[in-house]
Amino acid sequence: MYPVGATSVCCAVCNAVTAVPPPGTEMAQLVCGGCHTLLMYIRGATSVQCSCCHTVNLALEANQVAHVNCGSCKMLLMYQYGARSVKCAVCTFITSVGGSTSTTDQKLNN
């Protein structure tokens, strides 16, 4: 949050200074896949780089994504529609999300 009329804002976590978008700009948010920091970005962007860990996150519109709980740690995961599985960034478990229900989830040993 920042005061009305501010031209820039300094992040309390990483001290990065970011220009404030013009009034009326539609904003969206996502959780960084690398460090789990909540990121805000201008709606319509295709990717967002985290200023804390520098991970480049894919920014999808709400109608392009779905959610599922990880089959191991139960963390809420977001994935692109059409994906057959999603890998949890927390525990690396792969949860099947599409196709046959007989597909077995796997734990990756990475």
N, C-alpha and C. Protein backbone atom coordinates (compact mmCIF):
# COMPACT_ATOMS: atom_id res chain seq x y z
N MET A 1 0.85 -1.18 0.00
CA MET A 1 0.00 0.00 0.00
C MET A 1 0.89 1.24 0.00
N TYR A 2 0.38 2.28 -0.63
CA TYR A 2 1.16 3.51 -0.71
C TYR A 2 0.19 4.69 -0.77
N PRO A 3 0.66 5.89 -0.40
CA PRO A 3 -0.24 7.05 -0.39
C PRO A 3 -0.66 7.48 -1.79
N VAL A 4 -1.86 8.01 -1.89
CA VAL A 4 -2.37 8.52 -3.15
C VAL A 4 -1.43 9.61 -3.65
N GLY A 5 -1.08 9.54 -4.92
CA GLY A 5 -0.22 10.54 -5.52
C GLY A 5 1.25 10.16 -5.53
N ALA A 6 1.62 9.05 -4.84
CA ALA A 6 3.01 8.62 -4.84
C ALA A 6 3.42 8.20 -6.25
N THR A 7 4.67 8.47 -6.62
CA THR A 7 5.16 8.10 -7.95
C THR A 7 5.96 6.81 -7.93
N SER A 8 6.39 6.40 -6.72
CA SER A 8 7.12 5.14 -6.59
C SER A 8 6.87 4.58 -5.19
N VAL A 9 7.17 3.29 -5.02
CA VAL A 9 6.99 2.63 -3.73
C VAL A 9 8.19 1.72 -3.48
N CYS A 10 8.63 1.66 -2.21
CA CYS A 10 9.78 0.84 -1.84
C CYS A 10 9.27 -0.42 -1.14
N CYS A 11 9.68 -1.59 -1.61
CA CYS A 11 9.26 -2.86 -1.02
C CYS A 11 9.87 -3.00 0.37
N ALA A 12 9.03 -3.35 1.35
CA ALA A 12 9.48 -3.52 2.73
C ALA A 12 10.31 -4.80 2.90
N VAL A 13 10.20 -5.74 1.97
CA VAL A 13 10.93 -7.00 2.07
C VAL A 13 12.31 -6.91 1.43
N CYS A 14 12.36 -6.42 0.18
CA CYS A 14 13.63 -6.45 -0.56
C CYS A 14 14.20 -5.07 -0.86
N ASN A 15 13.47 -4.01 -0.50
CA ASN A 15 13.89 -2.62 -0.73
C ASN A 15 13.94 -2.20 -2.19
N ALA A 16 13.35 -2.98 -3.08
CA ALA A 16 13.29 -2.60 -4.50
C ALA A 16 12.32 -1.42 -4.64
N VAL A 17 12.71 -0.43 -5.42
CA VAL A 17 11.86 0.73 -5.68
C VAL A 17 11.17 0.51 -7.02
N THR A 18 9.83 0.60 -7.01
CA THR A 18 9.04 0.33 -8.20
C THR A 18 8.18 1.54 -8.50
N ALA A 19 8.08 1.89 -9.78
CA ALA A 19 7.21 3.00 -10.21
C ALA A 19 5.76 2.60 -10.00
N VAL A 20 4.96 3.54 -9.54
CA VAL A 20 3.53 3.31 -9.33
C VAL A 20 2.81 3.46 -10.67
N PRO A 21 1.94 2.50 -11.02
CA PRO A 21 1.21 2.63 -12.29
C PRO A 21 0.23 3.80 -12.25
N PRO A 22 -0.13 4.34 -13.41
CA PRO A 22 -1.06 5.47 -13.45
C PRO A 22 -2.41 5.11 -12.83
N PRO A 23 -3.13 6.10 -12.29
CA PRO A 23 -4.45 5.83 -11.70
C PRO A 23 -5.37 5.15 -12.71
N GLY A 24 -6.16 4.19 -12.23
CA GLY A 24 -7.11 3.49 -13.09
C GLY A 24 -6.54 2.26 -13.76
N THR A 25 -5.25 1.99 -13.58
CA THR A 25 -4.63 0.81 -14.18
C THR A 25 -5.13 -0.43 -13.46
N GLU A 26 -5.59 -1.42 -14.23
CA GLU A 26 -6.07 -2.67 -13.63
C GLU A 26 -4.89 -3.51 -13.20
N MET A 27 -4.94 -3.94 -11.94
CA MET A 27 -3.84 -4.73 -11.38
C MET A 27 -4.31 -6.15 -11.11
N ALA A 28 -3.36 -7.08 -11.08
CA ALA A 28 -3.62 -8.47 -10.74
C ALA A 28 -2.52 -8.89 -9.77
N GLN A 29 -2.65 -10.06 -9.18
CA GLN A 29 -1.61 -10.53 -8.27
C GLN A 29 -1.43 -12.03 -8.40
N LEU A 30 -0.25 -12.48 -8.03
CA LEU A 30 0.06 -13.91 -8.01
C LEU A 30 1.09 -14.16 -6.92
N VAL A 31 1.23 -15.42 -6.55
CA VAL A 31 2.23 -15.81 -5.56
C VAL A 31 3.44 -16.34 -6.32
N CYS A 32 4.63 -15.81 -6.00
CA CYS A 32 5.86 -16.22 -6.68
C CYS A 32 6.09 -17.70 -6.47
N GLY A 33 6.41 -18.40 -7.55
CA GLY A 33 6.69 -19.83 -7.48
C GLY A 33 8.03 -20.13 -6.84
N GLY A 34 8.90 -19.13 -6.72
CA GLY A 34 10.22 -19.36 -6.14
C GLY A 34 10.27 -19.12 -4.64
N CYS A 35 9.70 -18.00 -4.18
CA CYS A 35 9.83 -17.65 -2.76
C CYS A 35 8.49 -17.42 -2.07
N HIS A 36 7.39 -17.57 -2.79
CA HIS A 36 6.03 -17.45 -2.25
C HIS A 36 5.66 -16.03 -1.81
N THR A 37 6.34 -15.03 -2.34
CA THR A 37 6.00 -13.63 -2.08
C THR A 37 4.80 -13.25 -2.95
N LEU A 38 3.86 -12.50 -2.39
CA LEU A 38 2.72 -12.02 -3.17
C LEU A 38 3.18 -10.90 -4.08
N LEU A 39 2.97 -11.04 -5.38
CA LEU A 39 3.39 -10.05 -6.37
C LEU A 39 2.17 -9.41 -7.00
N MET A 40 2.24 -8.11 -7.23
CA MET A 40 1.21 -7.39 -7.97
C MET A 40 1.79 -6.95 -9.30
N TYR A 41 0.97 -6.98 -10.32
CA TYR A 41 1.44 -6.60 -11.66
C TYR A 41 0.27 -6.04 -12.45
N ILE A 42 0.59 -5.35 -13.54
CA ILE A 42 -0.44 -4.78 -14.40
C ILE A 42 -1.12 -5.91 -15.17
N ARG A 43 -2.45 -5.97 -15.04
CA ARG A 43 -3.23 -7.02 -15.71
C ARG A 43 -2.92 -7.02 -17.21
N GLY A 44 -2.73 -8.21 -17.74
CA GLY A 44 -2.41 -8.35 -19.16
C GLY A 44 -0.95 -8.72 -19.39
N ALA A 45 -0.11 -8.56 -18.36
CA ALA A 45 1.29 -8.96 -18.49
C ALA A 45 1.36 -10.47 -18.69
N THR A 46 2.34 -10.94 -19.44
CA THR A 46 2.47 -12.38 -19.68
C THR A 46 3.42 -13.04 -18.68
N SER A 47 4.31 -12.25 -18.08
CA SER A 47 5.21 -12.79 -17.07
C SER A 47 5.55 -11.70 -16.06
N VAL A 48 5.95 -12.12 -14.86
CA VAL A 48 6.29 -11.20 -13.78
C VAL A 48 7.55 -11.70 -13.11
N GLN A 49 8.59 -10.85 -13.04
CA GLN A 49 9.81 -11.24 -12.36
C GLN A 49 9.75 -10.78 -10.91
N CYS A 50 10.01 -11.71 -10.00
CA CYS A 50 10.00 -11.40 -8.57
C CYS A 50 11.23 -10.58 -8.23
N SER A 51 11.03 -9.47 -7.52
CA SER A 51 12.17 -8.63 -7.15
C SER A 51 12.93 -9.20 -5.96
N CYS A 52 12.34 -10.19 -5.27
CA CYS A 52 13.03 -10.80 -4.12
C CYS A 52 13.98 -11.92 -4.55
N CYS A 53 13.47 -12.89 -5.36
CA CYS A 53 14.29 -14.05 -5.73
C CYS A 53 14.60 -14.09 -7.23
N HIS A 54 14.06 -13.15 -8.01
CA HIS A 54 14.29 -13.01 -9.44
C HIS A 54 13.68 -14.12 -10.29
N THR A 55 12.80 -14.94 -9.72
CA THR A 55 12.10 -15.96 -10.49
C THR A 55 11.17 -15.26 -11.48
N VAL A 56 11.13 -15.74 -12.71
CA VAL A 56 10.20 -15.22 -13.70
C VAL A 56 8.96 -16.11 -13.64
N ASN A 57 7.83 -15.52 -13.27
CA ASN A 57 6.58 -16.24 -13.10
C ASN A 57 5.67 -16.01 -14.30
N LEU A 58 5.03 -17.07 -14.78
CA LEU A 58 4.06 -16.96 -15.86
C LEU A 58 2.79 -16.34 -15.29
N ALA A 59 2.30 -15.29 -15.91
CA ALA A 59 1.09 -14.60 -15.45
C ALA A 59 -0.06 -14.97 -16.37
N LEU A 60 -0.96 -15.80 -15.87
CA LEU A 60 -2.09 -16.25 -16.66
C LEU A 60 -3.37 -15.57 -16.20
N GLU A 61 -4.29 -15.35 -17.11
CA GLU A 61 -5.59 -14.78 -16.76
C GLU A 61 -6.37 -15.82 -15.97
N ALA A 62 -7.32 -15.36 -15.18
CA ALA A 62 -8.10 -16.25 -14.30
C ALA A 62 -8.79 -17.37 -15.07
N ASN A 63 -9.21 -17.12 -16.30
CA ASN A 63 -9.90 -18.16 -17.06
C ASN A 63 -8.94 -19.16 -17.69
N GLN A 64 -7.64 -18.98 -17.50
CA GLN A 64 -6.64 -19.89 -18.06
C GLN A 64 -6.04 -20.81 -17.00
N VAL A 65 -6.42 -20.63 -15.75
CA VAL A 65 -5.81 -21.40 -14.68
C VAL A 65 -6.84 -22.16 -13.87
N ALA A 66 -6.38 -23.21 -13.22
CA ALA A 66 -7.21 -24.00 -12.32
C ALA A 66 -6.40 -24.27 -11.07
N HIS A 67 -7.06 -24.78 -10.05
CA HIS A 67 -6.41 -25.03 -8.77
C HIS A 67 -6.65 -26.47 -8.33
N VAL A 68 -5.68 -27.03 -7.63
CA VAL A 68 -5.80 -28.37 -7.05
C VAL A 68 -4.92 -28.41 -5.81
N ASN A 69 -5.28 -29.23 -4.85
CA ASN A 69 -4.43 -29.40 -3.67
C ASN A 69 -3.39 -30.47 -3.97
N CYS A 70 -2.15 -30.23 -3.54
CA CYS A 70 -1.07 -31.19 -3.73
C CYS A 70 -1.48 -32.53 -3.12
N GLY A 71 -1.18 -33.61 -3.82
CA GLY A 71 -1.52 -34.95 -3.35
C GLY A 71 -0.70 -35.40 -2.16
N SER A 72 0.34 -34.66 -1.81
CA SER A 72 1.17 -35.04 -0.67
C SER A 72 1.02 -34.06 0.49
N CYS A 73 1.38 -32.80 0.28
CA CYS A 73 1.39 -31.83 1.40
C CYS A 73 0.13 -30.99 1.49
N LYS A 74 -0.79 -31.15 0.52
CA LYS A 74 -2.08 -30.44 0.49
C LYS A 74 -1.98 -28.95 0.20
N MET A 75 -0.81 -28.45 -0.21
CA MET A 75 -0.64 -27.04 -0.59
C MET A 75 -1.55 -26.78 -1.80
N LEU A 76 -2.21 -25.62 -1.83
CA LEU A 76 -3.04 -25.26 -2.97
C LEU A 76 -2.13 -24.90 -4.14
N LEU A 77 -2.31 -25.58 -5.26
CA LEU A 77 -1.47 -25.38 -6.44
C LEU A 77 -2.31 -24.77 -7.57
N MET A 78 -1.68 -23.95 -8.39
CA MET A 78 -2.31 -23.34 -9.54
C MET A 78 -1.63 -23.89 -10.78
N TYR A 79 -2.42 -24.23 -11.79
CA TYR A 79 -1.84 -24.78 -13.02
C TYR A 79 -2.66 -24.32 -14.22
N GLN A 80 -2.06 -24.41 -15.40
CA GLN A 80 -2.72 -23.99 -16.62
C GLN A 80 -3.70 -25.07 -17.07
N TYR A 81 -4.90 -24.64 -17.48
CA TYR A 81 -5.88 -25.59 -18.01
C TYR A 81 -5.24 -26.42 -19.11
N GLY A 82 -5.55 -27.69 -19.15
CA GLY A 82 -5.02 -28.58 -20.16
C GLY A 82 -3.81 -29.36 -19.68
N ALA A 83 -3.21 -28.93 -18.57
CA ALA A 83 -2.05 -29.66 -18.04
C ALA A 83 -2.51 -31.03 -17.53
N ARG A 84 -1.64 -32.01 -17.63
CA ARG A 84 -1.97 -33.37 -17.17
C ARG A 84 -1.52 -33.59 -15.73
N SER A 85 -0.55 -32.78 -15.29
CA SER A 85 -0.07 -32.90 -13.92
C SER A 85 0.55 -31.57 -13.49
N VAL A 86 0.76 -31.42 -12.19
CA VAL A 86 1.38 -30.22 -11.65
C VAL A 86 2.35 -30.64 -10.56
N LYS A 87 3.55 -30.05 -10.58
CA LYS A 87 4.58 -30.37 -9.59
C LYS A 87 4.53 -29.34 -8.47
N CYS A 88 4.47 -29.80 -7.25
CA CYS A 88 4.43 -28.91 -6.09
C CYS A 88 5.81 -28.30 -5.88
N ALA A 89 5.86 -26.97 -5.76
CA ALA A 89 7.13 -26.28 -5.53
C ALA A 89 7.61 -26.45 -4.10
N VAL A 90 6.74 -26.87 -3.21
CA VAL A 90 7.11 -27.04 -1.81
C VAL A 90 7.72 -28.41 -1.56
N CYS A 91 7.02 -29.49 -1.99
CA CYS A 91 7.49 -30.85 -1.66
C CYS A 91 7.90 -31.66 -2.89
N THR A 92 7.79 -31.11 -4.09
CA THR A 92 8.13 -31.72 -5.38
C THR A 92 7.25 -32.90 -5.78
N PHE A 93 6.15 -33.12 -5.10
CA PHE A 93 5.21 -34.19 -5.45
C PHE A 93 4.52 -33.81 -6.75
N ILE A 94 4.28 -34.76 -7.63
CA ILE A 94 3.57 -34.50 -8.88
C ILE A 94 2.15 -35.03 -8.74
N THR A 95 1.18 -34.13 -8.87
CA THR A 95 -0.23 -34.48 -8.74
C THR A 95 -0.86 -34.50 -10.12
N SER A 96 -1.52 -35.60 -10.48
CA SER A 96 -2.24 -35.70 -11.74
C SER A 96 -3.49 -34.85 -11.67
N VAL A 97 -3.77 -34.09 -12.74
CA VAL A 97 -4.94 -33.23 -12.73
C VAL A 97 -5.85 -33.46 -13.93
N GLY A 98 -5.43 -34.24 -14.89
CA GLY A 98 -6.26 -34.48 -16.06
C GLY A 98 -6.08 -35.89 -16.56
N GLY A 99 -6.87 -36.28 -17.52
CA GLY A 99 -6.74 -37.60 -18.11
C GLY A 99 -7.27 -38.69 -17.21
N SER A 100 -6.67 -39.85 -17.30
CA SER A 100 -7.12 -41.05 -16.60
C SER A 100 -6.96 -40.92 -15.10
N THR A 101 -7.94 -41.44 -14.36
CA THR A 101 -7.86 -41.43 -12.91
C THR A 101 -6.95 -42.53 -12.39
N SER A 102 -6.51 -43.43 -13.28
CA SER A 102 -5.62 -44.51 -12.85
C SER A 102 -4.16 -44.08 -12.83
N THR A 103 -3.89 -42.86 -13.30
CA THR A 103 -2.52 -42.35 -13.27
C THR A 103 -2.07 -42.19 -11.83
N THR A 104 -0.90 -42.72 -11.51
CA THR A 104 -0.39 -42.65 -10.14
C THR A 104 0.47 -41.42 -9.97
N ASP A 105 0.26 -40.71 -8.86
CA ASP A 105 1.11 -39.57 -8.53
C ASP A 105 2.48 -40.10 -8.15
N GLN A 106 3.51 -39.29 -8.43
CA GLN A 106 4.88 -39.71 -8.14
C GLN A 106 5.57 -38.70 -7.27
N LYS A 107 6.46 -39.18 -6.43
CA LYS A 107 7.31 -38.30 -5.63
C LYS A 107 8.64 -38.25 -6.36
N LEU A 108 9.11 -37.05 -6.72
CA LEU A 108 10.40 -36.91 -7.37
C LEU A 108 11.49 -36.84 -6.32
N ASN A 109 12.57 -37.50 -6.55
CA ASN A 109 13.69 -37.48 -5.61
C ASN A 109 14.73 -36.48 -6.08
N ASN A 110 14.35 -35.21 -6.11
CA ASN A 110 15.28 -34.14 -6.52
C ASN A 110 15.81 -33.44 -5.34
